[in-house]
């Protein structure tokens, strides 16, 4: 999303919306190939492309349906993606953001408005939502996949994710620029790579440090896929927005 927004806004300054959208999609495609085109990266690139395409034709994208279409297209080319742990985590994290991020942000905003002045609420709602609530939304939907795939539950990740998230845009943007400029003028690309090394080192050191916390993870053991399905069924049954679920209130015998 960061990359798509930066590229689209950059091209819009000099090109029409159609050409800007086309070059943005091509740039994201090139970036996805450049970083290895792993299933999570391809998923993100396809969703960004679909979102920009919807914007170009004046349509409002629906997150869940964009995600479903992306998964369907990818799995039609390679059904084995369904068994890839990275792909599973990427899809479920995105679903958590789509379904719960805005709702959790609105809930937090309404809650703190009862205790704090409006000006302070406007200042803190962005950082709290981006670095904590959105992470929590993704963790809720990835929890069963993590337990099923790795047979353990990380408690320290609750701290790790909010602490490393602020520097990840720097990792992506400066790292990408370092690679691109390295093709053109290697010394300048090397300088940018050294700059990107700083947030990368911070990320790795912090994660390594939190991994040493006693009781930072809980070993669960092998669980049945049926339990995973039951968790998701119950989660979506009680939390899916009413506008997605069918309305049976007016059903008559």
C-alpha atoms as a PDB file:
ATOM      1  CA  UNK A   1       0.000   0.000   0.000  1.00  0.00           C
ATOM      2  CA  UNK A   2       2.842   2.359   0.838  1.00  0.00           C
ATOM      3  CA  UNK A   3       4.595   1.649  -2.432  1.00  0.00           C
ATOM      4  CA  UNK A   4       1.399   1.926  -4.478  1.00  0.00           C
ATOM      5  CA  UNK A   5       0.464   5.236  -2.868  1.00  0.00           C
ATOM      6  CA  UNK A   6       3.919   6.766  -3.294  1.00  0.00           C
ATOM      7  CA  UNK A   7       4.252   5.693  -6.912  1.00  0.00           C
ATOM      8  CA  UNK A   8       0.729   6.740  -7.898  1.00  0.00           C
ATOM      9  CA  UNK A   9       1.053  10.163  -6.258  1.00  0.00           C
ATOM     10  CA  UNK A  10       4.474  10.651  -7.852  1.00  0.00           C
ATOM     11  CA  UNK A  11       3.249   9.890 -11.372  1.00  0.00           C
ATOM     12  CA  UNK A  12       0.068  11.946 -10.907  1.00  0.00           C
ATOM     13  CA  UNK A  13       2.144  15.127 -10.653  1.00  0.00           C
ATOM     14  CA  UNK A  14       3.244  14.842 -14.294  1.00  0.00           C
ATOM     15  CA  UNK A  15       0.855  12.389 -15.978  1.00  0.00           C
ATOM     16  CA  UNK A  16      -2.860  11.859 -16.415  1.00  0.00           C
ATOM     17  CA  UNK A  17      -4.611   9.511 -14.002  1.00  0.00           C
ATOM     18  CA  UNK A  18      -4.717   6.707 -16.597  1.00  0.00           C
ATOM     19  CA  UNK A  19      -1.006   6.854 -17.434  1.00  0.00           C
ATOM     20  CA  UNK A  20      -0.145   7.283 -13.754  1.00  0.00           C
ATOM     21  CA  UNK A  21      -2.178   4.203 -12.880  1.00  0.00           C
ATOM     22  CA  UNK A  22      -0.612   2.159 -15.677  1.00  0.00           C
ATOM     23  CA  UNK A  23       2.946   3.080 -14.706  1.00  0.00           C
ATOM     24  CA  UNK A  24       2.139   2.486 -11.041  1.00  0.00           C
ATOM     25  CA  UNK A  25       0.910  -1.053 -11.774  1.00  0.00           C
ATOM     26  CA  UNK A  26       4.004  -1.735 -13.893  1.00  0.00           C
ATOM     27  CA  UNK A  27       6.265  -0.381 -11.153  1.00  0.00           C
ATOM     28  CA  UNK A  28       4.632  -2.554  -8.492  1.00  0.00           C
ATOM     29  CA  UNK A  29       4.920  -5.585 -10.786  1.00  0.00           C
ATOM     30  CA  UNK A  30       8.620  -4.898 -11.324  1.00  0.00           C
ATOM     31  CA  UNK A  31       9.146  -4.408  -7.588  1.00  0.00           C
ATOM     32  CA  UNK A  32       7.404  -7.724  -6.850  1.00  0.00           C
ATOM     33  CA  UNK A  33       9.671  -9.541  -9.321  1.00  0.00           C
ATOM     34  CA  UNK A  34      12.753  -7.748  -8.014  1.00  0.00           C
ATOM     35  CA  UNK A  35      12.166  -8.910  -4.413  1.00  0.00           C
ATOM     36  CA  UNK A  36      11.585 -12.528  -5.392  1.00  0.00           C
ATOM     37  CA  UNK A  37       7.860 -12.750  -6.235  1.00  0.00           C
ATOM     38  CA  UNK A  38       7.100 -14.952  -3.236  1.00  0.00           C
ATOM     39  CA  UNK A  39       3.377 -15.781  -2.748  1.00  0.00           C
ATOM     40  CA  UNK A  40       2.779 -13.026  -0.121  1.00  0.00           C
ATOM     41  CA  UNK A  41       4.458 -10.428  -2.354  1.00  0.00           C
ATOM     42  CA  UNK A  42       2.448 -11.481  -5.414  1.00  0.00           C
ATOM     43  CA  UNK A  43      -0.734 -11.357  -3.332  1.00  0.00           C
ATOM     44  CA  UNK A  44       0.049  -7.805  -2.206  1.00  0.00           C
ATOM     45  CA  UNK A  45       0.970  -6.704  -5.740  1.00  0.00           C
ATOM     46  CA  UNK A  46      -2.227  -8.120  -7.240  1.00  0.00           C
ATOM     47  CA  UNK A  47      -4.418  -6.492  -4.602  1.00  0.00           C
ATOM     48  CA  UNK A  48      -2.690  -3.140  -5.111  1.00  0.00           C
ATOM     49  CA  UNK A  49      -3.162  -3.460  -8.867  1.00  0.00           C
ATOM     50  CA  UNK A  50      -6.850  -4.281  -8.474  1.00  0.00           C
ATOM     51  CA  UNK A  51      -7.346  -1.407  -6.049  1.00  0.00           C
ATOM     52  CA  UNK A  52      -5.757   1.087  -8.443  1.00  0.00           C
ATOM     53  CA  UNK A  53      -7.729  -0.331 -11.373  1.00  0.00           C
ATOM     54  CA  UNK A  54     -10.952   0.187  -9.422  1.00  0.00           C
ATOM     55  CA  UNK A  55      -9.882   3.754  -8.660  1.00  0.00           C
ATOM     56  CA  UNK A  56      -9.183   4.440 -12.332  1.00  0.00           C
ATOM     57  CA  UNK A  57     -12.672   3.432 -13.442  1.00  0.00           C
ATOM     58  CA  UNK A  58     -14.337   5.266 -10.573  1.00  0.00           C
ATOM     59  CA  UNK A  59     -15.309   2.214  -8.556  1.00  0.00           C
ATOM     60  CA  UNK A  60     -14.968   1.756  -4.817  1.00  0.00           C
ATOM     61  CA  UNK A  61     -13.131  -1.459  -4.045  1.00  0.00           C
ATOM     62  CA  UNK A  62     -14.565  -3.958  -1.553  1.00  0.00           C
ATOM     63  CA  UNK A  63     -11.688  -5.388   0.462  1.00  0.00           C
ATOM     64  CA  UNK A  64     -13.029  -8.919   1.074  1.00  0.00           C
ATOM     65  CA  UNK A  65     -13.986  -9.450  -2.565  1.00  0.00           C
ATOM     66  CA  UNK A  66     -10.671  -8.057  -3.828  1.00  0.00           C
ATOM     67  CA  UNK A  67      -8.881 -10.503  -1.543  1.00  0.00           C
ATOM     68  CA  UNK A  68     -11.069 -13.426  -2.657  1.00  0.00           C
ATOM     69  CA  UNK A  69     -10.494 -12.616  -6.339  1.00  0.00           C
ATOM     70  CA  UNK A  70      -6.733 -12.328  -5.776  1.00  0.00           C
ATOM     71  CA  UNK A  71      -6.567 -15.682  -3.985  1.00  0.00           C
ATOM     72  CA  UNK A  72      -8.692 -17.328  -6.683  1.00  0.00           C
ATOM     73  CA  UNK A  73      -6.482 -16.019  -9.494  1.00  0.00           C
ATOM     74  CA  UNK A  74      -3.260 -17.076  -7.777  1.00  0.00           C
ATOM     75  CA  UNK A  75      -4.516 -20.535  -6.857  1.00  0.00           C
ATOM     76  CA  UNK A  76      -5.821 -21.107 -10.373  1.00  0.00           C
ATOM     77  CA  UNK A  77      -2.215 -20.829 -11.571  1.00  0.00           C
ATOM     78  CA  UNK A  78      -0.712 -22.728  -8.647  1.00  0.00           C
ATOM     79  CA  UNK A  79      -3.078 -24.587  -6.279  1.00  0.00           C
ATOM     80  CA  UNK A  80      -0.109 -25.473  -4.050  1.00  0.00           C
ATOM     81  CA  UNK A  81      -0.199 -21.897  -2.728  1.00  0.00           C
ATOM     82  CA  UNK A  82      -3.006 -23.070  -0.447  1.00  0.00           C
ATOM     83  CA  UNK A  83      -0.466 -25.140   1.506  1.00  0.00           C
ATOM     84  CA  UNK A  84       2.185 -22.411   1.675  1.00  0.00           C
ATOM     85  CA  UNK A  85       2.517 -21.039   5.230  1.00  0.00           C
ATOM     86  CA  UNK A  86       3.621 -17.592   4.040  1.00  0.00           C
ATOM     87  CA  UNK A  87       0.667 -17.342   1.680  1.00  0.00           C
ATOM     88  CA  UNK A  88      -1.757 -18.444   4.407  1.00  0.00           C
ATOM     89  CA  UNK A  89      -0.401 -15.864   6.855  1.00  0.00           C
ATOM     90  CA  UNK A  90      -0.448 -13.108   4.233  1.00  0.00           C
ATOM     91  CA  UNK A  91      -4.050 -13.796   3.238  1.00  0.00           C
ATOM     92  CA  UNK A  92      -5.371 -14.105   6.782  1.00  0.00           C
ATOM     93  CA  UNK A  93      -3.484 -11.009   7.989  1.00  0.00           C
ATOM     94  CA  UNK A  94      -4.954  -9.029   5.096  1.00  0.00           C
ATOM     95  CA  UNK A  95      -8.416 -10.361   5.883  1.00  0.00           C
ATOM     96  CA  UNK A  96      -8.009  -9.264   9.485  1.00  0.00           C
ATOM     97  CA  UNK A  97      -7.087  -5.747   8.365  1.00  0.00           C
ATOM     98  CA  UNK A  98      -9.963  -5.614   5.890  1.00  0.00           C
ATOM     99  CA  UNK A  99     -12.610  -6.796   8.346  1.00  0.00           C
ATOM    100  CA  UNK A 100     -11.479  -5.394  11.667  1.00  0.00           C
ATOM    101  CA  UNK A 101      -8.932  -2.563  11.326  1.00  0.00           C
ATOM    102  CA  UNK A 102     -11.406   0.255  10.662  1.00  0.00           C
ATOM    103  CA  UNK A 103     -13.908  -1.110  13.178  1.00  0.00           C
ATOM    104  CA  UNK A 104     -11.282  -1.347  15.917  1.00  0.00           C
ATOM    105  CA  UNK A 105     -10.074   2.153  15.075  1.00  0.00           C
ATOM    106  CA  UNK A 106     -13.620   3.534  15.329  1.00  0.00           C
ATOM    107  CA  UNK A 107     -14.157   1.674  18.607  1.00  0.00           C
ATOM    108  CA  UNK A 108     -10.961   3.142  20.083  1.00  0.00           C
ATOM    109  CA  UNK A 109     -11.824   6.641  18.891  1.00  0.00           C
ATOM    110  CA  UNK A 110     -15.309   6.518  20.421  1.00  0.00           C
ATOM    111  CA  UNK A 111     -13.903   5.118  23.669  1.00  0.00           C
ATOM    112  CA  UNK A 112     -11.170   7.705  24.241  1.00  0.00           C
ATOM    113  CA  UNK A 113     -13.461  10.581  23.271  1.00  0.00           C
ATOM    114  CA  UNK A 114     -15.291   9.954  26.541  1.00  0.00           C
ATOM    115  CA  UNK A 115     -12.147  10.709  28.538  1.00  0.00           C
ATOM    116  CA  UNK A 116      -9.837  12.895  26.432  1.00  0.00           C
ATOM    117  CA  UNK A 117     -10.229  16.217  24.584  1.00  0.00           C
ATOM    118  CA  UNK A 118     -10.922  16.134  20.856  1.00  0.00           C
ATOM    119  CA  UNK A 119      -7.561  17.605  19.876  1.00  0.00           C
ATOM    120  CA  UNK A 120      -5.652  14.905  21.758  1.00  0.00           C
ATOM    121  CA  UNK A 121      -7.858  12.149  20.336  1.00  0.00           C
ATOM    122  CA  UNK A 122      -7.091  13.317  16.791  1.00  0.00           C
ATOM    123  CA  UNK A 123      -3.357  13.194  17.547  1.00  0.00           C
ATOM    124  CA  UNK A 124      -3.222   9.711  19.059  1.00  0.00           C
ATOM    125  CA  UNK A 125      -5.823   7.806  17.054  1.00  0.00           C
ATOM    126  CA  UNK A 126      -3.555   7.489  14.008  1.00  0.00           C
ATOM    127  CA  UNK A 127      -0.452   6.080  15.738  1.00  0.00           C
ATOM    128  CA  UNK A 128      -2.473   3.841  18.083  1.00  0.00           C
ATOM    129  CA  UNK A 129      -4.476   2.456  15.194  1.00  0.00           C
ATOM    130  CA  UNK A 130      -1.551   1.941  12.826  1.00  0.00           C
ATOM    131  CA  UNK A 131       0.965   0.526  15.291  1.00  0.00           C
ATOM    132  CA  UNK A 132      -1.263  -1.394  17.702  1.00  0.00           C
ATOM    133  CA  UNK A 133      -4.894  -1.904  16.690  1.00  0.00           C
ATOM    134  CA  UNK A 134      -4.178  -2.813  13.064  1.00  0.00           C
ATOM    135  CA  UNK A 135      -1.490  -5.233  14.231  1.00  0.00           C
ATOM    136  CA  UNK A 136      -3.960  -6.754  16.675  1.00  0.00           C
ATOM    137  CA  UNK A 137      -6.524  -7.145  13.887  1.00  0.00           C
ATOM    138  CA  UNK A 138      -4.002  -9.089  11.794  1.00  0.00           C
ATOM    139  CA  UNK A 139      -2.912 -11.197  14.768  1.00  0.00           C
ATOM    140  CA  UNK A 140      -6.461 -12.277  15.509  1.00  0.00           C
ATOM    141  CA  UNK A 141      -6.975 -13.816  12.074  1.00  0.00           C
ATOM    142  CA  UNK A 142      -3.470 -15.300  11.796  1.00  0.00           C
ATOM    143  CA  UNK A 143      -3.557 -16.919  15.255  1.00  0.00           C
ATOM    144  CA  UNK A 144      -4.953 -20.330  14.139  1.00  0.00           C
ATOM    145  CA  UNK A 145      -2.549 -20.496  11.169  1.00  0.00           C
ATOM    146  CA  UNK A 146       0.440 -19.748  13.411  1.00  0.00           C
ATOM    147  CA  UNK A 147      -0.547 -22.407  15.941  1.00  0.00           C
ATOM    148  CA  UNK A 148      -1.287 -24.969  13.225  1.00  0.00           C
ATOM    149  CA  UNK A 149       1.884 -24.352  11.210  1.00  0.00           C
ATOM    150  CA  UNK A 150       4.401 -23.752  14.004  1.00  0.00           C
ATOM    151  CA  UNK A 151       2.722 -25.447  16.988  1.00  0.00           C
ATOM    152  CA  UNK A 152       3.477 -22.512  19.250  1.00  0.00           C
ATOM    153  CA  UNK A 153       2.111 -19.104  20.216  1.00  0.00           C
ATOM    154  CA  UNK A 154       4.366 -16.061  20.491  1.00  0.00           C
ATOM    155  CA  UNK A 155       3.516 -13.708  23.342  1.00  0.00           C
ATOM    156  CA  UNK A 156       6.441 -11.384  22.626  1.00  0.00           C
ATOM    157  CA  UNK A 157       5.047 -10.645  19.142  1.00  0.00           C
ATOM    158  CA  UNK A 158       2.456  -8.415  20.815  1.00  0.00           C
ATOM    159  CA  UNK A 159       5.369  -6.120  21.702  1.00  0.00           C
ATOM    160  CA  UNK A 160       7.563  -6.807  18.675  1.00  0.00           C
ATOM    161  CA  UNK A 161       5.104  -5.796  15.967  1.00  0.00           C
ATOM    162  CA  UNK A 162       4.249  -2.277  17.249  1.00  0.00           C
ATOM    163  CA  UNK A 163       7.922  -1.570  17.988  1.00  0.00           C
ATOM    164  CA  UNK A 164       9.264  -2.522  14.560  1.00  0.00           C
ATOM    165  CA  UNK A 165       6.398  -1.267  12.399  1.00  0.00           C
ATOM    166  CA  UNK A 166       7.415   2.442  12.385  1.00  0.00           C
ATOM    167  CA  UNK A 167      10.701   1.722  10.587  1.00  0.00           C
ATOM    168  CA  UNK A 168       9.356  -0.724   7.995  1.00  0.00           C
ATOM    169  CA  UNK A 169       8.425   2.013   5.461  1.00  0.00           C
ATOM    170  CA  UNK A 170      12.066   3.139   5.608  1.00  0.00           C
ATOM    171  CA  UNK A 171      13.224  -0.427   4.983  1.00  0.00           C
ATOM    172  CA  UNK A 172      10.985  -0.777   1.927  1.00  0.00           C
ATOM    173  CA  UNK A 173      11.496   2.658   0.405  1.00  0.00           C
ATOM    174  CA  UNK A 174      15.224   3.141   1.021  1.00  0.00           C
ATOM    175  CA  UNK A 175      15.975  -0.531   0.302  1.00  0.00           C
ATOM    176  CA  UNK A 176      14.079  -0.380  -2.980  1.00  0.00           C
ATOM    177  CA  UNK A 177      15.785   2.852  -3.994  1.00  0.00           C
ATOM    178  CA  UNK A 178      19.171   1.352  -3.123  1.00  0.00           C
ATOM    179  CA  UNK A 179      18.595  -1.545  -5.501  1.00  0.00           C
ATOM    180  CA  UNK A 180      17.237   0.616  -8.319  1.00  0.00           C
ATOM    181  CA  UNK A 181      19.964   3.262  -8.102  1.00  0.00           C
ATOM    182  CA  UNK A 182      22.584   0.542  -7.751  1.00  0.00           C
ATOM    183  CA  UNK A 183      21.725  -0.559 -11.286  1.00  0.00           C
ATOM    184  CA  UNK A 184      22.430   2.957 -12.557  1.00  0.00           C
ATOM    185  CA  UNK A 185      25.257   4.205 -10.317  1.00  0.00           C
ATOM    186  CA  UNK A 186      26.605   1.587  -7.924  1.00  0.00           C
ATOM    187  CA  UNK A 187      28.386   3.893  -5.405  1.00  0.00           C
ATOM    188  CA  UNK A 188      25.191   5.891  -4.744  1.00  0.00           C
ATOM    189  CA  UNK A 189      23.214   2.676  -4.405  1.00  0.00           C
ATOM    190  CA  UNK A 190      25.782   1.491  -1.861  1.00  0.00           C
ATOM    191  CA  UNK A 191      25.315   4.679   0.175  1.00  0.00           C
ATOM    192  CA  UNK A 192      21.541   4.165   0.245  1.00  0.00           C
ATOM    193  CA  UNK A 193      22.082   0.532   1.221  1.00  0.00           C
ATOM    194  CA  UNK A 194      24.107   1.638   4.249  1.00  0.00           C
ATOM    195  CA  UNK A 195      21.248   3.963   5.227  1.00  0.00           C
ATOM    196  CA  UNK A 196      18.736   1.110   4.846  1.00  0.00           C
ATOM    197  CA  UNK A 197      21.031  -1.023   7.025  1.00  0.00           C
ATOM    198  CA  UNK A 198      20.139   1.101  10.078  1.00  0.00           C
ATOM    199  CA  UNK A 199      16.381   0.301  10.281  1.00  0.00           C
ATOM    200  CA  UNK A 200      17.124  -3.280   9.214  1.00  0.00           C
ATOM    201  CA  UNK A 201      19.599  -3.719  12.058  1.00  0.00           C
ATOM    202  CA  UNK A 202      17.143  -2.174  14.516  1.00  0.00           C
ATOM    203  CA  UNK A 203      14.454  -4.618  13.363  1.00  0.00           C
ATOM    204  CA  UNK A 204      16.643  -7.718  13.640  1.00  0.00           C
ATOM    205  CA  UNK A 205      18.217  -6.759  16.976  1.00  0.00           C
ATOM    206  CA  UNK A 206      14.869  -5.914  18.557  1.00  0.00           C
ATOM    207  CA  UNK A 207      13.236  -9.144  17.394  1.00  0.00           C
ATOM    208  CA  UNK A 208      16.243 -11.145  18.616  1.00  0.00           C
ATOM    209  CA  UNK A 209      16.097  -9.398  21.976  1.00  0.00           C
ATOM    210  CA  UNK A 210      12.395 -10.009  22.477  1.00  0.00           C
ATOM    211  CA  UNK A 211      12.875 -13.640  21.462  1.00  0.00           C
ATOM    212  CA  UNK A 212      15.024 -14.124  24.579  1.00  0.00           C
ATOM    213  CA  UNK A 213      12.263 -13.048  26.975  1.00  0.00           C
ATOM    214  CA  UNK A 214      11.385 -15.913  29.346  1.00  0.00           C
ATOM    215  CA  UNK A 215       7.941 -17.335  28.597  1.00  0.00           C
ATOM    216  CA  UNK A 216       7.872 -15.271  25.396  1.00  0.00           C
ATOM    217  CA  UNK A 217       6.315 -18.197  23.564  1.00  0.00           C
ATOM    218  CA  UNK A 218       3.962 -20.996  24.509  1.00  0.00           C
ATOM    219  CA  UNK A 219       4.279 -24.436  22.952  1.00  0.00           C
ATOM    220  CA  UNK A 220       0.857 -25.659  21.898  1.00  0.00           C
ATOM    221  CA  UNK A 221       1.613 -28.845  19.995  1.00  0.00           C
ATOM    222  CA  UNK A 222      -0.151 -30.263  16.973  1.00  0.00           C
ATOM    223  CA  UNK A 223      -3.774 -29.269  16.521  1.00  0.00           C
ATOM    224  CA  UNK A 224      -6.398 -30.596  14.145  1.00  0.00           C
ATOM    225  CA  UNK A 225      -7.342 -28.622  11.012  1.00  0.00           C
ATOM    226  CA  UNK A 226     -10.943 -28.992  12.194  1.00  0.00           C
ATOM    227  CA  UNK A 227     -10.173 -26.790  15.207  1.00  0.00           C
ATOM    228  CA  UNK A 228      -8.766 -24.150  12.857  1.00  0.00           C
ATOM    229  CA  UNK A 229     -11.961 -24.190  10.797  1.00  0.00           C
ATOM    230  CA  UNK A 230     -14.133 -24.027  13.928  1.00  0.00           C
ATOM    231  CA  UNK A 231     -12.171 -20.987  15.172  1.00  0.00           C
ATOM    232  CA  UNK A 232     -12.678 -19.118  11.900  1.00  0.00           C
ATOM    233  CA  UNK A 233     -16.349 -20.047  11.692  1.00  0.00           C
ATOM    234  CA  UNK A 234     -17.015 -18.746  15.195  1.00  0.00           C
ATOM    235  CA  UNK A 235     -14.894 -15.641  14.628  1.00  0.00           C
ATOM    236  CA  UNK A 236     -16.630 -14.667  11.392  1.00  0.00           C
ATOM    237  CA  UNK A 237     -20.064 -15.599  12.743  1.00  0.00           C
ATOM    238  CA  UNK A 238     -19.805 -13.200  15.676  1.00  0.00           C
ATOM    239  CA  UNK A 239     -17.729 -10.406  14.145  1.00  0.00           C
ATOM    240  CA  UNK A 240     -18.470 -10.164  10.411  1.00  0.00           C
ATOM    241  CA  UNK A 241     -20.172  -6.832   9.590  1.00  0.00           C
ATOM    242  CA  UNK A 242     -23.896  -7.050   9.040  1.00  0.00           C
ATOM    243  CA  UNK A 243     -23.582  -5.588   5.550  1.00  0.00           C
ATOM    244  CA  UNK A 244     -21.632  -8.675   4.448  1.00  0.00           C
ATOM    245  CA  UNK A 245     -23.980 -11.179   6.047  1.00  0.00           C
ATOM    246  CA  UNK A 246     -27.440 -11.701   4.528  1.00  0.00           C
ATOM    247  CA  UNK A 247     -30.317 -10.008   6.284  1.00  0.00           C
ATOM    248  CA  UNK A 248     -32.814 -12.578   7.549  1.00  0.00           C
ATOM    249  CA  UNK A 249     -34.701 -10.174   9.783  1.00  0.00           C
ATOM    250  CA  UNK A 250     -37.550  -9.765   7.306  1.00  0.00           C
ATOM    251  CA  UNK A 251     -37.831 -13.443   6.404  1.00  0.00           C
ATOM    252  CA  UNK A 252     -41.369 -14.739   6.770  1.00  0.00           C
ATOM    253  CA  UNK A 253     -42.659 -18.285   6.958  1.00  0.00           C
END
